[in-house]
Amino acid sequence: MFFRKKITVAGTLAALVVLGIAASAPAEPTYKNLKVLPKNISHEELDSVMHQFNRSLGVKCSFCHAPKKDNPRKLDFASDDKGEKNVARDMMRMTDRINRKYFNYKKGDQHAIPPVGCMTCHNGTPHPEAMAPKEEKKEEKKTAPAAQQNSGQ
């Protein structure tokens, strides 16, 4: 009888431990207000995209994300209060169209790197400079002395 109680208590404790671990396992977060990125994006993928923006534009998260109303030291990632966030969405759509139309890029391809991205134009600055192409220096045509003599005859 004593042995049975030990087995029952041990089994109950083991079951509680397993249930506790299962209940505390972090679930995939559900993000609010994703309009361009997939709704089921993983935390790692979202962080990767955001860090790419940081590097490509040379900005911090607060460049696009507004502060929380109740705690201005924290960011409200779901908020659309800052216009830069919608500009970023438009730019993501634009580069996606360019890559599909002109480079036949498909997002599902493994190991495929899109040819056009934020860094293409921004080069680490928040607002890329519009630069006109450099003018080519026109070299004066140098005619050989023999050619001048032949044309003078």
C-alpha atoms as a PDB file:
ATOM      1  CA  MET A   1       0.000   0.000   0.000  1.00  0.00           C
ATOM      2  CA  PHE A   2       2.829   2.365   0.909  1.00  0.00           C
ATOM      3  CA  PHE A   3       4.514   1.579  -2.441  1.00  0.00           C
ATOM      4  CA  ARG A   4       1.268   2.384  -4.293  1.00  0.00           C
ATOM      5  CA  LYS A   5       1.055   5.791  -2.607  1.00  0.00           C
ATOM      6  CA  LYS A   6       4.634   6.558  -3.628  1.00  0.00           C
ATOM      7  CA  ILE A   7       3.898   5.634  -7.250  1.00  0.00           C
ATOM      8  CA  THR A   8       0.690   7.707  -7.237  1.00  0.00           C
ATOM      9  CA  VAL A   9       2.410  10.762  -5.729  1.00  0.00           C
ATOM     10  CA  ALA A  10       5.391  10.452  -8.096  1.00  0.00           C
ATOM     11  CA  GLY A  11       3.080  10.064 -11.108  1.00  0.00           C
ATOM     12  CA  THR A  12       1.009  13.067 -10.051  1.00  0.00           C
ATOM     13  CA  LEU A  13       4.110  15.206  -9.569  1.00  0.00           C
ATOM     14  CA  ALA A  14       5.487  14.163 -12.951  1.00  0.00           C
ATOM     15  CA  ALA A  15       2.168  15.021 -14.598  1.00  0.00           C
ATOM     16  CA  LEU A  16       2.122  18.440 -12.913  1.00  0.00           C
ATOM     17  CA  VAL A  17       5.686  19.159 -14.014  1.00  0.00           C
ATOM     18  CA  VAL A  18       4.876  18.225 -17.619  1.00  0.00           C
ATOM     19  CA  LEU A  19       1.710  20.356 -17.577  1.00  0.00           C
ATOM     20  CA  GLY A  20       3.624  23.259 -16.055  1.00  0.00           C
ATOM     21  CA  ILE A  21       6.287  23.113 -18.747  1.00  0.00           C
ATOM     22  CA  ALA A  22       3.680  22.878 -21.500  1.00  0.00           C
ATOM     23  CA  ALA A  23       1.736  25.824 -20.087  1.00  0.00           C
ATOM     24  CA  SER A  24       4.828  28.009 -19.796  1.00  0.00           C
ATOM     25  CA  ALA A  25       6.203  27.287 -23.276  1.00  0.00           C
ATOM     26  CA  PRO A  26       6.156  30.545 -25.237  1.00  0.00           C
ATOM     27  CA  ALA A  27       3.655  30.531 -28.067  1.00  0.00           C
ATOM     28  CA  GLU A  28       4.417  32.241 -31.341  1.00  0.00           C
ATOM     29  CA  PRO A  29       3.484  35.886 -30.916  1.00  0.00           C
ATOM     30  CA  THR A  30       0.584  37.315 -32.858  1.00  0.00           C
ATOM     31  CA  TYR A  31       1.486  40.690 -34.235  1.00  0.00           C
ATOM     32  CA  LYS A  32      -1.014  43.485 -34.704  1.00  0.00           C
ATOM     33  CA  ASN A  33      -1.298  45.717 -37.747  1.00  0.00           C
ATOM     34  CA  LEU A  34       0.921  43.829 -40.199  1.00  0.00           C
ATOM     35  CA  LYS A  35      -0.091  45.070 -43.640  1.00  0.00           C
ATOM     36  CA  VAL A  36       2.802  44.000 -45.877  1.00  0.00           C
ATOM     37  CA  LEU A  37       4.618  41.318 -43.893  1.00  0.00           C
ATOM     38  CA  PRO A  38       2.905  37.934 -43.499  1.00  0.00           C
ATOM     39  CA  LYS A  39       0.589  37.610 -40.485  1.00  0.00           C
ATOM     40  CA  ASN A  40       2.281  34.358 -39.429  1.00  0.00           C
ATOM     41  CA  ILE A  41       5.842  35.733 -39.543  1.00  0.00           C
ATOM     42  CA  SER A  42       8.103  34.313 -36.847  1.00  0.00           C
ATOM     43  CA  HIS A  43       9.770  36.485 -34.235  1.00  0.00           C
ATOM     44  CA  GLU A  44      13.190  35.764 -35.769  1.00  0.00           C
ATOM     45  CA  GLU A  45      12.044  36.692 -39.291  1.00  0.00           C
ATOM     46  CA  LEU A  46      10.430  39.922 -38.091  1.00  0.00           C
ATOM     47  CA  ASP A  47      13.557  40.875 -36.153  1.00  0.00           C
ATOM     48  CA  SER A  48      15.651  40.161 -39.240  1.00  0.00           C
ATOM     49  CA  VAL A  49      13.506  42.458 -41.405  1.00  0.00           C
ATOM     50  CA  MET A  50      13.568  45.242 -38.809  1.00  0.00           C
ATOM     51  CA  HIS A  51      17.345  44.975 -38.347  1.00  0.00           C
ATOM     52  CA  GLN A  52      17.739  45.182 -42.116  1.00  0.00           C
ATOM     53  CA  PHE A  53      15.863  48.505 -42.015  1.00  0.00           C
ATOM     54  CA  ASN A  54      18.143  49.684 -39.211  1.00  0.00           C
ATOM     55  CA  ARG A  55      21.276  48.902 -41.219  1.00  0.00           C
ATOM     56  CA  SER A  56      20.018  50.022 -44.619  1.00  0.00           C
ATOM     57  CA  LEU A  57      18.682  53.375 -43.439  1.00  0.00           C
ATOM     58  CA  GLY A  58      21.059  53.954 -40.535  1.00  0.00           C
ATOM     59  CA  VAL A  59      18.114  54.533 -38.166  1.00  0.00           C
ATOM     60  CA  LYS A  60      16.769  53.229 -34.882  1.00  0.00           C
ATOM     61  CA  CYS A  61      13.324  51.707 -34.295  1.00  0.00           C
ATOM     62  CA  SER A  62      11.875  55.072 -33.226  1.00  0.00           C
ATOM     63  CA  PHE A  63      12.353  56.373 -36.778  1.00  0.00           C
ATOM     64  CA  CYS A  64       9.186  54.498 -37.863  1.00  0.00           C
ATOM     65  CA  HIS A  65       7.572  53.454 -34.564  1.00  0.00           C
ATOM     66  CA  ALA A  66       5.749  55.946 -32.318  1.00  0.00           C
ATOM     67  CA  PRO A  67       6.132  55.952 -28.544  1.00  0.00           C
ATOM     68  CA  LYS A  68       3.404  54.424 -26.395  1.00  0.00           C
ATOM     69  CA  LYS A  69       0.935  56.970 -25.062  1.00  0.00           C
ATOM     70  CA  ASP A  70       1.042  55.621 -21.499  1.00  0.00           C
ATOM     71  CA  ASN A  71       4.840  55.134 -21.444  1.00  0.00           C
ATOM     72  CA  PRO A  72       6.786  57.290 -23.942  1.00  0.00           C
ATOM     73  CA  ARG A  73      10.003  55.365 -23.177  1.00  0.00           C
ATOM     74  CA  LYS A  74       8.549  52.282 -24.930  1.00  0.00           C
ATOM     75  CA  LEU A  75       7.465  51.954 -28.547  1.00  0.00           C
ATOM     76  CA  ASP A  76       3.968  51.156 -29.780  1.00  0.00           C
ATOM     77  CA  PHE A  77       4.849  48.849 -32.663  1.00  0.00           C
ATOM     78  CA  ALA A  78       1.217  48.512 -33.832  1.00  0.00           C
ATOM     79  CA  SER A  79       0.632  52.266 -34.060  1.00  0.00           C
ATOM     80  CA  ASP A  80       0.476  54.053 -37.424  1.00  0.00           C
ATOM     81  CA  ASP A  81       1.015  57.512 -35.883  1.00  0.00           C
ATOM     82  CA  LYS A  82       4.295  58.085 -37.714  1.00  0.00           C
ATOM     83  CA  GLY A  83       4.158  58.579 -41.470  1.00  0.00           C
ATOM     84  CA  GLU A  84       7.529  56.913 -41.943  1.00  0.00           C
ATOM     85  CA  LYS A  85       5.939  53.555 -41.189  1.00  0.00           C
ATOM     86  CA  ASN A  86       3.554  53.876 -44.148  1.00  0.00           C
ATOM     87  CA  VAL A  87       6.410  55.093 -46.352  1.00  0.00           C
ATOM     88  CA  ALA A  88       8.337  51.944 -45.384  1.00  0.00           C
ATOM     89  CA  ARG A  89       5.330  49.810 -46.338  1.00  0.00           C
ATOM     90  CA  ASP A  90       5.077  51.562 -49.702  1.00  0.00           C
ATOM     91  CA  MET A  91       8.799  51.062 -50.295  1.00  0.00           C
ATOM     92  CA  MET A  92       8.508  47.350 -49.459  1.00  0.00           C
ATOM     93  CA  ARG A  93       5.694  47.012 -52.011  1.00  0.00           C
ATOM     94  CA  MET A  94       7.723  48.988 -54.577  1.00  0.00           C
ATOM     95  CA  THR A  95      10.882  46.887 -54.229  1.00  0.00           C
ATOM     96  CA  ASP A  96       8.788  43.715 -54.333  1.00  0.00           C
ATOM     97  CA  ARG A  97       7.185  44.842 -57.631  1.00  0.00           C
ATOM     98  CA  ILE A  98      10.558  45.806 -59.116  1.00  0.00           C
ATOM     99  CA  ASN A  99      12.146  42.501 -58.129  1.00  0.00           C
ATOM    100  CA  ARG A 100       9.260  40.437 -59.528  1.00  0.00           C
ATOM    101  CA  LYS A 101       8.799  42.438 -62.747  1.00  0.00           C
ATOM    102  CA  TYR A 102      12.386  43.083 -63.787  1.00  0.00           C
ATOM    103  CA  PHE A 103      14.337  40.295 -62.070  1.00  0.00           C
ATOM    104  CA  ASN A 104      11.782  37.446 -61.913  1.00  0.00           C
ATOM    105  CA  TYR A 105      12.439  37.223 -58.181  1.00  0.00           C
ATOM    106  CA  LYS A 106      10.223  34.841 -56.215  1.00  0.00           C
ATOM    107  CA  LYS A 107      10.119  35.132 -52.411  1.00  0.00           C
ATOM    108  CA  GLY A 108       9.663  31.392 -51.931  1.00  0.00           C
ATOM    109  CA  ASP A 109      13.001  30.489 -53.547  1.00  0.00           C
ATOM    110  CA  GLN A 110      15.469  29.195 -51.020  1.00  0.00           C
ATOM    111  CA  HIS A 111      18.703  31.147 -50.706  1.00  0.00           C
ATOM    112  CA  ALA A 112      17.451  33.768 -53.138  1.00  0.00           C
ATOM    113  CA  ILE A 113      18.511  37.313 -52.323  1.00  0.00           C
ATOM    114  CA  PRO A 114      16.346  40.050 -53.826  1.00  0.00           C
ATOM    115  CA  PRO A 115      18.369  42.196 -56.238  1.00  0.00           C
ATOM    116  CA  VAL A 116      16.736  45.472 -55.137  1.00  0.00           C
ATOM    117  CA  GLY A 117      16.319  46.314 -51.468  1.00  0.00           C
ATOM    118  CA  CYS A 118      16.501  49.259 -49.102  1.00  0.00           C
ATOM    119  CA  MET A 119      20.296  49.469 -49.269  1.00  0.00           C
ATOM    120  CA  THR A 120      20.179  49.831 -53.063  1.00  0.00           C
ATOM    121  CA  CYS A 121      19.156  53.475 -52.751  1.00  0.00           C
ATOM    122  CA  HIS A 122      19.505  54.397 -49.085  1.00  0.00           C
ATOM    123  CA  ASN A 123      23.101  53.267 -48.500  1.00  0.00           C
ATOM    124  CA  GLY A 124      22.776  53.776 -44.750  1.00  0.00           C
ATOM    125  CA  THR A 125      20.962  57.124 -44.870  1.00  0.00           C
ATOM    126  CA  PRO A 126      17.315  57.770 -43.948  1.00  0.00           C
ATOM    127  CA  HIS A 127      16.659  59.909 -47.024  1.00  0.00           C
ATOM    128  CA  PRO A 128      18.599  58.934 -50.154  1.00  0.00           C
ATOM    129  CA  GLU A 129      20.126  61.726 -52.162  1.00  0.00           C
ATOM    130  CA  ALA A 130      18.780  62.238 -55.658  1.00  0.00           C
ATOM    131  CA  MET A 131      21.844  62.597 -57.817  1.00  0.00           C
ATOM    132  CA  ALA A 132      21.978  63.425 -61.472  1.00  0.00           C
ATOM    133  CA  PRO A 133      24.306  61.301 -63.559  1.00  0.00           C
ATOM    134  CA  LYS A 134      27.761  62.767 -64.007  1.00  0.00           C
ATOM    135  CA  GLU A 135      28.346  64.417 -67.326  1.00  0.00           C
ATOM    136  CA  GLU A 136      30.855  62.738 -69.523  1.00  0.00           C
ATOM    137  CA  LYS A 137      33.832  64.864 -70.441  1.00  0.00           C
ATOM    138  CA  LYS A 138      33.896  65.339 -74.149  1.00  0.00           C
ATOM    139  CA  GLU A 139      37.359  65.047 -75.509  1.00  0.00           C
ATOM    140  CA  GLU A 140      38.174  67.307 -78.386  1.00  0.00           C
ATOM    141  CA  LYS A 141      38.781  65.323 -81.472  1.00  0.00           C
ATOM    142  CA  LYS A 142      42.440  65.265 -82.164  1.00  0.00           C
ATOM    143  CA  THR A 143      43.134  64.872 -85.793  1.00  0.00           C
ATOM    144  CA  ALA A 144      46.422  63.509 -86.878  1.00  0.00           C
ATOM    145  CA  PRO A 145      48.655  65.868 -88.870  1.00  0.00           C
ATOM    146  CA  ALA A 146      48.595  63.442 -91.799  1.00  0.00           C
ATOM    147  CA  ALA A 147      44.799  63.611 -91.902  1.00  0.00           C
ATOM    148  CA  GLN A 148      44.939  67.426 -91.960  1.00  0.00           C
ATOM    149  CA  GLN A 149      47.390  67.407 -94.840  1.00  0.00           C
ATOM    150  CA  ASN A 150      45.287  65.000 -96.874  1.00  0.00           C
ATOM    151  CA  SER A 151      42.171  67.090 -96.374  1.00  0.00           C
ATOM    152  CA  GLY A 152      44.024  70.280 -97.438  1.00  0.00           C
ATOM    153  CA  GLN A 153      44.951  68.907-100.892  1.00  0.00           C
END
